Amino acid sequence: MVRNKTMVYLAKEYVKSQYSTSKGLKNDYLIGFLSGLKDKFKEQVASKGYALVLVKDALVIREVDKKHLRKGASSRVVMDHSSDARDTGYRDGRAFNEHQKMIQ
């Protein structure tokens, strides 16, 4: 499983390599990375028969219902619309190996 810290670290390193501090550039990279992971997972499902099953535990549902949560306003993601950042993130996401050293 890809840890959030690993993705954020790789995104920050990409942004630094571009001599930038742009949050939008970082988000472009992250969107590409997640897209690459998604495609890699789809490929694994097709070739190895992997699948996910989501089961909602009754206790969890009951506890969440007790909180009376409501949907808030959606947030706007800042992006630079950099195809280079998205492409680099995509390639990194596709190439990510769960056995690689994780950023702690």
PDB file of N, CA and C in Angstrom:
ATOM      1  N   MET A   1       0.839  -1.179   0.000  1.00  0.00           N
ATOM      2  CA  MET A   1       0.000   0.000   0.000  1.00  0.00           C
ATOM      3  C   MET A   1       0.883   1.242   0.000  1.00  0.00           C
ATOM      4  N   VAL A   2       0.556   2.198  -0.813  1.00  0.00           N
ATOM      5  CA  VAL A   2       1.313   3.434  -0.876  1.00  0.00           C
ATOM      6  C   VAL A   2       0.926   4.286   0.308  1.00  0.00           C
ATOM      7  N   ARG A   3       1.906   4.712   1.023  1.00  0.00           N
ATOM      8  CA  ARG A   3       1.628   5.557   2.173  1.00  0.00           C
ATOM      9  C   ARG A   3       1.549   7.007   1.735  1.00  0.00           C
ATOM     10  N   ASN A   4       0.648   7.734   2.334  1.00  0.00           N
ATOM     11  CA  ASN A   4       0.459   9.135   2.018  1.00  0.00           C
ATOM     12  C   ASN A   4       1.771   9.906   2.113  1.00  0.00           C
ATOM     13  N   LYS A   5       2.592   9.620   3.118  1.00  0.00           N
ATOM     14  CA  LYS A   5       3.849  10.331   3.301  1.00  0.00           C
ATOM     15  C   LYS A   5       4.781  10.103   2.119  1.00  0.00           C
ATOM     16  N   THR A   6       4.760   8.919   1.550  1.00  0.00           N
ATOM     17  CA  THR A   6       5.607   8.620   0.402  1.00  0.00           C
ATOM     18  C   THR A   6       5.185   9.464  -0.794  1.00  0.00           C
ATOM     19  N   MET A   7       3.893   9.522  -1.069  1.00  0.00           N
ATOM     20  CA  MET A   7       3.398  10.313  -2.193  1.00  0.00           C
ATOM     21  C   MET A   7       3.731  11.789  -2.009  1.00  0.00           C
ATOM     22  N   VAL A   8       3.509  12.299  -0.826  1.00  0.00           N
ATOM     23  CA  VAL A   8       3.769  13.716  -0.560  1.00  0.00           C
ATOM     24  C   VAL A   8       5.261  14.005  -0.702  1.00  0.00           C
ATOM     25  N   TYR A   9       6.100  13.106  -0.200  1.00  0.00           N
ATOM     26  CA  TYR A   9       7.549  13.280  -0.319  1.00  0.00           C
ATOM     27  C   TYR A   9       7.959  13.336  -1.793  1.00  0.00           C
ATOM     28  N   LEU A  10       7.476  12.388  -2.592  1.00  0.00           N
ATOM     29  CA  LEU A  10       7.820  12.356  -4.011  1.00  0.00           C
ATOM     30  C   LEU A  10       7.326  13.612  -4.730  1.00  0.00           C
ATOM     31  N   ALA A  11       6.140  14.079  -4.373  1.00  0.00           N
ATOM     32  CA  ALA A  11       5.601  15.297  -4.984  1.00  0.00           C
ATOM     33  C   ALA A  11       6.462  16.504  -4.626  1.00  0.00           C
ATOM     34  N   LYS A  12       6.861  16.614  -3.359  1.00  0.00           N
ATOM     35  CA  LYS A  12       7.709  17.734  -2.936  1.00  0.00           C
ATOM     36  C   LYS A  12       9.056  17.694  -3.654  1.00  0.00           C
ATOM     37  N   GLU A  13       9.610  16.500  -3.803  1.00  0.00           N
ATOM     38  CA  GLU A  13      10.878  16.365  -4.511  1.00  0.00           C
ATOM     39  C   GLU A  13      10.736  16.774  -5.973  1.00  0.00           C
ATOM     40  N   TYR A  14       9.635  16.432  -6.586  1.00  0.00           N
ATOM     41  CA  TYR A  14       9.399  16.831  -7.975  1.00  0.00           C
ATOM     42  C   TYR A  14       9.326  18.356  -8.072  1.00  0.00           C
ATOM     43  N   VAL A  15       8.554  18.976  -7.194  1.00  0.00           N
ATOM     44  CA  VAL A  15       8.394  20.429  -7.229  1.00  0.00           C
ATOM     45  C   VAL A  15       9.749  21.111  -7.020  1.00  0.00           C
ATOM     46  N   LYS A  16      10.558  20.601  -6.075  1.00  0.00           N
ATOM     47  CA  LYS A  16      11.888  21.176  -5.852  1.00  0.00           C
ATOM     48  C   LYS A  16      12.758  21.029  -7.096  1.00  0.00           C
ATOM     49  N   SER A  17      12.642  19.896  -7.779  1.00  0.00           N
ATOM     50  CA  SER A  17      13.459  19.679  -8.978  1.00  0.00           C
ATOM     51  C   SER A  17      13.097  20.654 -10.090  1.00  0.00           C
ATOM     52  N   GLN A  18      11.905  21.234 -10.002  1.00  0.00           N
ATOM     53  CA  GLN A  18      11.451  22.217 -10.992  1.00  0.00           C
ATOM     54  C   GLN A  18      11.729  23.645 -10.520  1.00  0.00           C
ATOM     55  N   TYR A  19      12.455  23.781  -9.398  1.00  0.00           N
ATOM     56  CA  TYR A  19      12.780  25.086  -8.815  1.00  0.00           C
ATOM     57  C   TYR A  19      11.520  25.902  -8.586  1.00  0.00           C
ATOM     58  N   SER A  20      10.552  25.252  -7.984  1.00  0.00           N
ATOM     59  CA  SER A  20       9.262  25.877  -7.751  1.00  0.00           C
ATOM     60  C   SER A  20       8.803  25.584  -6.331  1.00  0.00           C
ATOM     61  N   THR A  21       7.826  26.322  -5.887  1.00  0.00           N
ATOM     62  CA  THR A  21       7.159  26.046  -4.616  1.00  0.00           C
ATOM     63  C   THR A  21       5.656  25.979  -4.832  1.00  0.00           C
ATOM     64  N   SER A  22       5.248  25.840  -6.073  1.00  0.00           N
ATOM     65  CA  SER A  22       3.842  25.905  -6.446  1.00  0.00           C
ATOM     66  C   SER A  22       3.026  24.733  -5.892  1.00  0.00           C
ATOM     67  N   LYS A  23       1.981  25.072  -5.168  1.00  0.00           N
ATOM     68  CA  LYS A  23       1.065  24.051  -4.656  1.00  0.00           C
ATOM     69  C   LYS A  23       0.320  23.389  -5.817  1.00  0.00           C
ATOM     70  N   GLY A  24       0.008  24.178  -6.846  1.00  0.00           N
ATOM     71  CA  GLY A  24      -0.676  23.636  -8.016  1.00  0.00           C
ATOM     72  C   GLY A  24       0.162  22.595  -8.732  1.00  0.00           C
ATOM     73  N   LEU A  25       1.473  22.827  -8.839  1.00  0.00           N
ATOM     74  CA  LEU A  25       2.377  21.877  -9.485  1.00  0.00           C
ATOM     75  C   LEU A  25       2.434  20.568  -8.687  1.00  0.00           C
ATOM     76  N   LYS A  26       2.463  20.707  -7.364  1.00  0.00           N
ATOM     77  CA  LYS A  26       2.458  19.533  -6.487  1.00  0.00           C
ATOM     78  C   LYS A  26       1.164  18.742  -6.681  1.00  0.00           C
ATOM     79  N   ASN A  27       0.040  19.431  -6.754  1.00  0.00           N
ATOM     80  CA  ASN A  27      -1.246  18.753  -6.942  1.00  0.00           C
ATOM     81  C   ASN A  27      -1.326  18.071  -8.302  1.00  0.00           C
ATOM     82  N   ASP A  28      -0.774  18.718  -9.341  1.00  0.00           N
ATOM     83  CA  ASP A  28      -0.739  18.093 -10.663  1.00  0.00           C
ATOM     84  C   ASP A  28       0.035  16.778 -10.599  1.00  0.00           C
ATOM     85  N   TYR A  29       1.179  16.793  -9.913  1.00  0.00           N
ATOM     86  CA  TYR A  29       1.987  15.584  -9.766  1.00  0.00           C
ATOM     87  C   TYR A  29       1.192  14.499  -9.029  1.00  0.00           C
ATOM     88  N   LEU A  30       0.554  14.885  -7.922  1.00  0.00           N
ATOM     89  CA  LEU A  30      -0.204  13.917  -7.125  1.00  0.00           C
ATOM     90  C   LEU A  30      -1.364  13.310  -7.914  1.00  0.00           C
ATOM     91  N   ILE A  31      -2.046  14.119  -8.705  1.00  0.00           N
ATOM     92  CA  ILE A  31      -3.142  13.607  -9.528  1.00  0.00           C
ATOM     93  C   ILE A  31      -2.609  12.598 -10.534  1.00  0.00           C
ATOM     94  N   GLY A  32      -1.469  12.903 -11.141  1.00  0.00           N
ATOM     95  CA  GLY A  32      -0.847  11.963 -12.063  1.00  0.00           C
ATOM     96  C   GLY A  32      -0.419  10.683 -11.372  1.00  0.00           C
ATOM     97  N   PHE A  33       0.162  10.812 -10.172  1.00  0.00           N
ATOM     98  CA  PHE A  33       0.622   9.650  -9.412  1.00  0.00           C
ATOM     99  C   PHE A  33      -0.546   8.721  -9.090  1.00  0.00           C
ATOM    100  N   LEU A  34      -1.634   9.302  -8.593  1.00  0.00           N
ATOM    101  CA  LEU A  34      -2.809   8.493  -8.251  1.00  0.00           C
ATOM    102  C   LEU A  34      -3.419   7.832  -9.484  1.00  0.00           C
ATOM    103  N   SER A  35      -3.411   8.540 -10.599  1.00  0.00           N
ATOM    104  CA  SER A  35      -3.912   7.973 -11.840  1.00  0.00           C
ATOM    105  C   SER A  35      -3.050   6.790 -12.286  1.00  0.00           C
ATOM    106  N   GLY A  36      -1.732   6.930 -12.135  1.00  0.00           N
ATOM    107  CA  GLY A  36      -0.822   5.834 -12.462  1.00  0.00           C
ATOM    108  C   GLY A  36      -1.050   4.623 -11.581  1.00  0.00           C
ATOM    109  N   LEU A  37      -1.245   4.855 -10.280  1.00  0.00           N
ATOM    110  CA  LEU A  37      -1.535   3.747  -9.359  1.00  0.00           C
ATOM    111  C   LEU A  37      -2.846   3.057  -9.731  1.00  0.00           C
ATOM    112  N   LYS A  38      -3.844   3.863 -10.071  1.00  0.00           N
ATOM    113  CA  LYS A  38      -5.153   3.313 -10.441  1.00  0.00           C
ATOM    114  C   LYS A  38      -5.020   2.406 -11.661  1.00  0.00           C
ATOM    115  N   ASP A  39      -4.300   2.876 -12.686  1.00  0.00           N
ATOM    116  CA  ASP A  39      -4.124   2.071 -13.893  1.00  0.00           C
ATOM    117  C   ASP A  39      -3.306   0.814 -13.615  1.00  0.00           C
ATOM    118  N   LYS A  40      -2.298   0.944 -12.755  1.00  0.00           N
ATOM    119  CA  LYS A  40      -1.488  -0.224 -12.390  1.00  0.00           C
ATOM    120  C   LYS A  40      -2.359  -1.260 -11.676  1.00  0.00           C
ATOM    121  N   PHE A  41      -3.227  -0.804 -10.791  1.00  0.00           N
ATOM    122  CA  PHE A  41      -4.101  -1.724 -10.066  1.00  0.00           C
ATOM    123  C   PHE A  41      -5.074  -2.403 -11.023  1.00  0.00           C
ATOM    124  N   LYS A  42      -5.644  -1.642 -11.963  1.00  0.00           N
ATOM    125  CA  LYS A  42      -6.556  -2.232 -12.952  1.00  0.00           C
ATOM    126  C   LYS A  42      -5.853  -3.327 -13.744  1.00  0.00           C
ATOM    127  N   GLU A  43      -4.600  -3.064 -14.105  1.00  0.00           N
ATOM    128  CA  GLU A  43      -3.816  -4.047 -14.850  1.00  0.00           C
ATOM    129  C   GLU A  43      -3.591  -5.308 -14.006  1.00  0.00           C
ATOM    130  N   GLN A  44      -3.290  -5.133 -12.727  1.00  0.00           N
ATOM    131  CA  GLN A  44      -3.087  -6.273 -11.832  1.00  0.00           C
ATOM    132  C   GLN A  44      -4.373  -7.069 -11.673  1.00  0.00           C
ATOM    133  N   VAL A  45      -5.494  -6.387 -11.568  1.00  0.00           N
ATOM    134  CA  VAL A  45      -6.781  -7.082 -11.443  1.00  0.00           C
ATOM    135  C   VAL A  45      -7.020  -7.941 -12.676  1.00  0.00           C
ATOM    136  N   ALA A  46      -6.756  -7.375 -13.849  1.00  0.00           N
ATOM    137  CA  ALA A  46      -6.985  -8.108 -15.102  1.00  0.00           C
ATOM    138  C   ALA A  46      -6.039  -9.292 -15.257  1.00  0.00           C
ATOM    139  N   SER A  47      -4.781  -9.113 -14.878  1.00  0.00           N
ATOM    140  CA  SER A  47      -3.801 -10.170 -15.128  1.00  0.00           C
ATOM    141  C   SER A  47      -3.702 -11.201 -13.999  1.00  0.00           C
ATOM    142  N   LYS A  48      -3.988 -10.786 -12.765  1.00  0.00           N
ATOM    143  CA  LYS A  48      -3.801 -11.696 -11.632  1.00  0.00           C
ATOM    144  C   LYS A  48      -5.097 -12.028 -10.905  1.00  0.00           C
ATOM    145  N   GLY A  49      -6.176 -11.437 -11.342  1.00  0.00           N
ATOM    146  CA  GLY A  49      -7.460 -11.725 -10.716  1.00  0.00           C
ATOM    147  C   GLY A  49      -7.631 -11.091  -9.347  1.00  0.00           C
ATOM    148  N   TYR A  50      -6.868 -10.020  -9.060  1.00  0.00           N
ATOM    149  CA  TYR A  50      -7.043  -9.329  -7.785  1.00  0.00           C
ATOM    150  C   TYR A  50      -8.393  -8.634  -7.771  1.00  0.00           C
ATOM    151  N   ALA A  51      -8.947  -8.483  -6.602  1.00  0.00           N
ATOM    152  CA  ALA A  51     -10.203  -7.747  -6.476  1.00  0.00           C
ATOM    153  C   ALA A  51     -10.323  -7.217  -5.054  1.00  0.00           C
ATOM    154  N   LEU A  52     -11.115  -6.185  -4.904  1.00  0.00           N
ATOM    155  CA  LEU A  52     -11.396  -5.633  -3.586  1.00  0.00           C
ATOM    156  C   LEU A  52     -12.866  -5.836  -3.271  1.00  0.00           C
ATOM    157  N   VAL A  53     -13.129  -6.105  -2.014  1.00  0.00           N
ATOM    158  CA  VAL A  53     -14.504  -6.225  -1.567  1.00  0.00           C
ATOM    159  C   VAL A  53     -14.655  -5.282  -0.378  1.00  0.00           C
ATOM    160  N   LEU A  54     -15.629  -4.417  -0.465  1.00  0.00           N
ATOM    161  CA  LEU A  54     -15.886  -3.472   0.609  1.00  0.00           C
ATOM    162  C   LEU A  54     -17.053  -3.983   1.433  1.00  0.00           C
ATOM    163  N   VAL A  55     -16.788  -4.179   2.713  1.00  0.00           N
ATOM    164  CA  VAL A  55     -17.834  -4.644   3.618  1.00  0.00           C
ATOM    165  C   VAL A  55     -17.955  -3.619   4.731  1.00  0.00           C
ATOM    166  N   LYS A  56     -19.156  -3.109   4.902  1.00  0.00           N
ATOM    167  CA  LYS A  56     -19.398  -2.140   5.964  1.00  0.00           C
ATOM    168  C   LYS A  56     -19.837  -2.888   7.216  1.00  0.00           C
ATOM    169  N   ASP A  57     -19.064  -2.712   8.254  1.00  0.00           N
ATOM    170  CA  ASP A  57     -19.378  -3.334   9.527  1.00  0.00           C
ATOM    171  C   ASP A  57     -20.551  -2.592  10.173  1.00  0.00           C
ATOM    172  N   ALA A  58     -21.501  -3.326  10.685  1.00  0.00           N
ATOM    173  CA  ALA A  58     -22.704  -2.725  11.278  1.00  0.00           C
ATOM    174  C   ALA A  58     -22.360  -1.779  12.433  1.00  0.00           C
ATOM    175  N   LEU A  59     -21.375  -2.139  13.241  1.00  0.00           N
ATOM    176  CA  LEU A  59     -20.976  -1.290  14.367  1.00  0.00           C
ATOM    177  C   LEU A  59     -20.422   0.042  13.856  1.00  0.00           C
ATOM    178  N   VAL A  60     -19.619   0.000  12.822  1.00  0.00           N
ATOM    179  CA  VAL A  60     -19.061   1.232  12.249  1.00  0.00           C
ATOM    180  C   VAL A  60     -20.181   2.111  11.704  1.00  0.00           C
ATOM    181  N   ILE A  61     -21.103   1.537  10.980  1.00  0.00           N
ATOM    182  CA  ILE A  61     -22.226   2.298  10.423  1.00  0.00           C
ATOM    183  C   ILE A  61     -23.029   2.951  11.554  1.00  0.00           C
ATOM    184  N   ARG A  62     -23.302   2.208  12.611  1.00  0.00           N
ATOM    185  CA  ARG A  62     -24.071   2.741  13.734  1.00  0.00           C
ATOM    186  C   ARG A  62     -23.334   3.915  14.391  1.00  0.00           C
ATOM    187  N   GLU A  63     -22.033   3.783  14.605  1.00  0.00           N
ATOM    188  CA  GLU A  63     -21.266   4.848  15.253  1.00  0.00           C
ATOM    189  C   GLU A  63     -21.179   6.099  14.375  1.00  0.00           C
ATOM    190  N   VAL A  64     -21.021   5.919  13.080  1.00  0.00           N
ATOM    191  CA  VAL A  64     -20.984   7.058  12.163  1.00  0.00           C
ATOM    192  C   VAL A  64     -22.343   7.750  12.153  1.00  0.00           C
ATOM    193  N   ASP A  65     -23.415   6.982  12.140  1.00  0.00           N
ATOM    194  CA  ASP A  65     -24.763   7.560  12.160  1.00  0.00           C
ATOM    195  C   ASP A  65     -25.000   8.386  13.421  1.00  0.00           C
ATOM    196  N   LYS A  66     -24.431   7.961  14.549  1.00  0.00           N
ATOM    197  CA  LYS A  66     -24.591   8.687  15.810  1.00  0.00           C
ATOM    198  C   LYS A  66     -23.986  10.088  15.740  1.00  0.00           C
ATOM    199  N   LYS A  67     -23.010  10.267  14.886  1.00  0.00           N
ATOM    200  CA  LYS A  67     -22.317  11.551  14.795  1.00  0.00           C
ATOM    201  C   LYS A  67     -23.109  12.596  14.011  1.00  0.00           C
ATOM    202  N   HIS A  68     -24.143  12.169  13.301  1.00  0.00           N
ATOM    203  CA  HIS A  68     -24.984  13.082  12.528  1.00  0.00           C
ATOM    204  C   HIS A  68     -24.144  13.993  11.627  1.00  0.00           C
ATOM    205  N   LEU A  69     -23.248  13.393  10.900  1.00  0.00           N
ATOM    206  CA  LEU A  69     -22.381  14.154  10.001  1.00  0.00           C
ATOM    207  C   LEU A  69     -23.185  14.666   8.820  1.00  0.00           C
ATOM    208  N   ARG A  70     -22.769  15.802   8.306  1.00  0.00           N
ATOM    209  CA  ARG A  70     -23.428  16.332   7.124  1.00  0.00           C
ATOM    210  C   ARG A  70     -22.356  16.751   6.133  1.00  0.00           C
ATOM    211  N   LYS A  71     -22.740  16.749   4.886  1.00  0.00           N
ATOM    212  CA  LYS A  71     -21.802  17.081   3.829  1.00  0.00           C
ATOM    213  C   LYS A  71     -21.515  18.578   3.863  1.00  0.00           C
ATOM    214  N   GLY A  72     -20.231  18.910   3.816  1.00  0.00           N
ATOM    215  CA  GLY A  72     -19.824  20.309   3.795  1.00  0.00           C
ATOM    216  C   GLY A  72     -19.610  20.780   2.371  1.00  0.00           C
ATOM    217  N   ALA A  73     -19.219  22.005   2.251  1.00  0.00           N
ATOM    218  CA  ALA A  73     -18.924  22.571   0.932  1.00  0.00           C
ATOM    219  C   ALA A  73     -17.686  21.900   0.365  1.00  0.00           C
ATOM    220  N   SER A  74     -17.708  21.635  -0.917  1.00  0.00           N
ATOM    221  CA  SER A  74     -16.541  21.016  -1.532  1.00  0.00           C
ATOM    222  C   SER A  74     -15.431  22.050  -1.659  1.00  0.00           C
ATOM    223  N   SER A  75     -14.213  21.567  -1.563  1.00  0.00           N
ATOM    224  CA  SER A  75     -13.077  22.474  -1.661  1.00  0.00           C
ATOM    225  C   SER A  75     -12.549  22.491  -3.090  1.00  0.00           C
ATOM    226  N   ARG A  76     -11.885  23.538  -3.435  1.00  0.00           N
ATOM    227  CA  ARG A  76     -11.329  23.703  -4.765  1.00  0.00           C
ATOM    228  C   ARG A  76      -9.858  23.322  -4.715  1.00  0.00           C
ATOM    229  N   VAL A  77      -9.438  22.430  -5.600  1.00  0.00           N
ATOM    230  CA  VAL A  77      -8.050  22.010  -5.662  1.00  0.00           C
ATOM    231  C   VAL A  77      -7.301  22.953  -6.596  1.00  0.00           C
ATOM    232  N   VAL A  78      -6.239  23.544  -6.087  1.00  0.00           N
ATOM    233  CA  VAL A  78      -5.418  24.448  -6.880  1.00  0.00           C
ATOM    234  C   VAL A  78      -4.524  23.615  -7.787  1.00  0.00           C
ATOM    235  N   MET A  79      -4.543  23.924  -9.085  1.00  0.00           N
ATOM    236  CA  MET A  79      -3.713  23.198 -10.041  1.00  0.00           C
ATOM    237  C   MET A  79      -3.036  24.183 -10.975  1.00  0.00           C
ATOM    238  N   ASP A  80      -1.862  23.775 -11.481  1.00  0.00           N
ATOM    239  CA  ASP A  80      -1.165  24.583 -12.482  1.00  0.00           C
ATOM    240  C   ASP A  80      -1.451  24.078 -13.897  1.00  0.00           C
ATOM    241  N   HIS A  81      -2.113  22.936 -13.995  1.00  0.00           N
ATOM    242  CA  HIS A  81      -2.407  22.295 -15.279  1.00  0.00           C
ATOM    243  C   HIS A  81      -1.127  21.992 -16.062  1.00  0.00           C
ATOM    244  N   SER A  82      -0.133  21.476 -15.317  1.00  0.00           N
ATOM    245  CA  SER A  82       1.149  21.117 -15.908  1.00  0.00           C
ATOM    246  C   SER A  82       1.107  19.670 -16.387  1.00  0.00           C
ATOM    247  N   SER A  83       1.161  19.491 -17.703  1.00  0.00           N
ATOM    248  CA  SER A  83       1.150  18.123 -18.234  1.00  0.00           C
ATOM    249  C   SER A  83       2.437  17.408 -17.867  1.00  0.00           C
ATOM    250  N   ASP A  84       3.555  18.130 -17.728  1.00  0.00           N
ATOM    251  CA  ASP A  84       4.810  17.499 -17.341  1.00  0.00           C
ATOM    252  C   ASP A  84       4.715  16.933 -15.922  1.00  0.00           C
ATOM    253  N   ALA A  85       4.144  17.711 -15.010  1.00  0.00           N
ATOM    254  CA  ALA A  85       3.998  17.244 -13.621  1.00  0.00           C
ATOM    255  C   ALA A  85       3.073  16.036 -13.565  1.00  0.00           C
ATOM    256  N   ARG A  86       1.940  16.098 -14.288  1.00  0.00           N
ATOM    257  CA  ARG A  86       1.001  14.965 -14.299  1.00  0.00           C
ATOM    258  C   ARG A  86       1.638  13.735 -14.924  1.00  0.00           C
ATOM    259  N   ASP A  87       2.361  13.921 -16.028  1.00  0.00           N
ATOM    260  CA  ASP A  87       3.002  12.786 -16.706  1.00  0.00           C
ATOM    261  C   ASP A  87       4.078  12.152 -15.833  1.00  0.00           C
ATOM    262  N   THR A  88       4.865  12.992 -15.169  1.00  0.00           N
ATOM    263  CA  THR A  88       5.915  12.471 -14.281  1.00  0.00           C
ATOM    264  C   THR A  88       5.280  11.721 -13.108  1.00  0.00           C
ATOM    265  N   GLY A  89       4.253  12.305 -12.512  1.00  0.00           N
ATOM    266  CA  GLY A  89       3.549  11.640 -11.417  1.00  0.00           C
ATOM    267  C   GLY A  89       2.940  10.329 -11.877  1.00  0.00           C
ATOM    268  N   TYR A  90       2.353  10.325 -13.073  1.00  0.00           N
ATOM    269  CA  TYR A  90       1.742   9.111 -13.621  1.00  0.00           C
ATOM    270  C   TYR A  90       2.793   8.011 -13.772  1.00  0.00           C
ATOM    271  N   ARG A  91       3.928   8.356 -14.372  1.00  0.00           N
ATOM    272  CA  ARG A  91       4.996   7.359 -14.549  1.00  0.00           C
ATOM    273  C   ARG A  91       5.489   6.836 -13.202  1.00  0.00           C
ATOM    274  N   ASP A  92       5.649   7.736 -12.226  1.00  0.00           N
ATOM    275  CA  ASP A  92       6.094   7.318 -10.896  1.00  0.00           C
ATOM    276  C   ASP A  92       5.057   6.425 -10.220  1.00  0.00           C
ATOM    277  N   GLY A  93       3.782   6.746 -10.400  1.00  0.00           N
ATOM    278  CA  GLY A  93       2.715   5.927  -9.826  1.00  0.00           C
ATOM    279  C   GLY A  93       2.674   4.543 -10.458  1.00  0.00           C
ATOM    280  N   ARG A  94       2.824   4.475 -11.778  1.00  0.00           N
ATOM    281  CA  ARG A  94       2.840   3.179 -12.483  1.00  0.00           C
ATOM    282  C   ARG A  94       4.059   2.348 -12.091  1.00  0.00           C
ATOM    283  N   ALA A  95       5.184   3.033 -11.823  1.00  0.00           N
ATOM    284  CA  ALA A  95       6.426   2.331 -11.517  1.00  0.00           C
ATOM    285  C   ALA A  95       6.555   1.990 -10.039  1.00  0.00           C
ATOM    286  N   PHE A  96       5.654   2.543  -9.212  1.00  0.00           N
ATOM    287  CA  PHE A  96       5.784   2.313  -7.769  1.00  0.00           C
ATOM    288  C   PHE A  96       5.644   0.833  -7.454  1.00  0.00           C
ATOM    289  N   ASN A  97       6.529   0.360  -6.619  1.00  0.00           N
ATOM    290  CA  ASN A  97       6.536  -1.036  -6.196  1.00  0.00           C
ATOM    291  C   ASN A  97       6.311  -1.056  -4.692  1.00  0.00           C
ATOM    292  N   GLU A  98       5.312  -1.798  -4.256  1.00  0.00           N
ATOM    293  CA  GLU A  98       5.000  -1.804  -2.820  1.00  0.00           C
ATOM    294  C   GLU A  98       6.128  -2.335  -1.958  1.00  0.00           C
ATOM    295  N   HIS A  99       7.152  -2.920  -2.587  1.00  0.00           N
ATOM    296  CA  HIS A  99       8.291  -3.439  -1.827  1.00  0.00           C
ATOM    297  C   HIS A  99       9.412  -2.414  -1.739  1.00  0.00           C
ATOM    298  N   GLN A 100       9.230  -1.242  -2.394  1.00  0.00           N
ATOM    299  CA  GLN A 100      10.221  -0.185  -2.288  1.00  0.00           C
ATOM    300  C   GLN A 100      10.214   0.346  -0.862  1.00  0.00           C
ATOM    301  N   LYS A 101      11.313   0.927  -0.498  1.00  0.00           N
ATOM    302  CA  LYS A 101      11.406   1.526   0.840  1.00  0.00           C
ATOM    303  C   LYS A 101      10.381   2.655   0.949  1.00  0.00           C
ATOM    304  N   MET A 102       9.627   2.651   2.006  1.00  0.00           N
ATOM    305  CA  MET A 102       8.626   3.682   2.241  1.00  0.00           C
ATOM    306  C   MET A 102       9.258   4.850   3.006  1.00  0.00           C
ATOM    307  N   ILE A 103       8.737   6.027   2.787  1.00  0.00           N
ATOM    308  CA  ILE A 103       9.155   7.199   3.542  1.00  0.00           C
ATOM    309  C   ILE A 103       8.410   7.158   4.867  1.00  0.00           C
ATOM    310  N   GLN A 104       9.123   7.220   5.955  1.00  0.00           N
ATOM    311  CA  GLN A 104       8.478   7.128   7.275  1.00  0.00           C
ATOM    312  C   GLN A 104       8.218   8.473   7.851  1.00  0.00           C
TER     313      GLN A 104
END
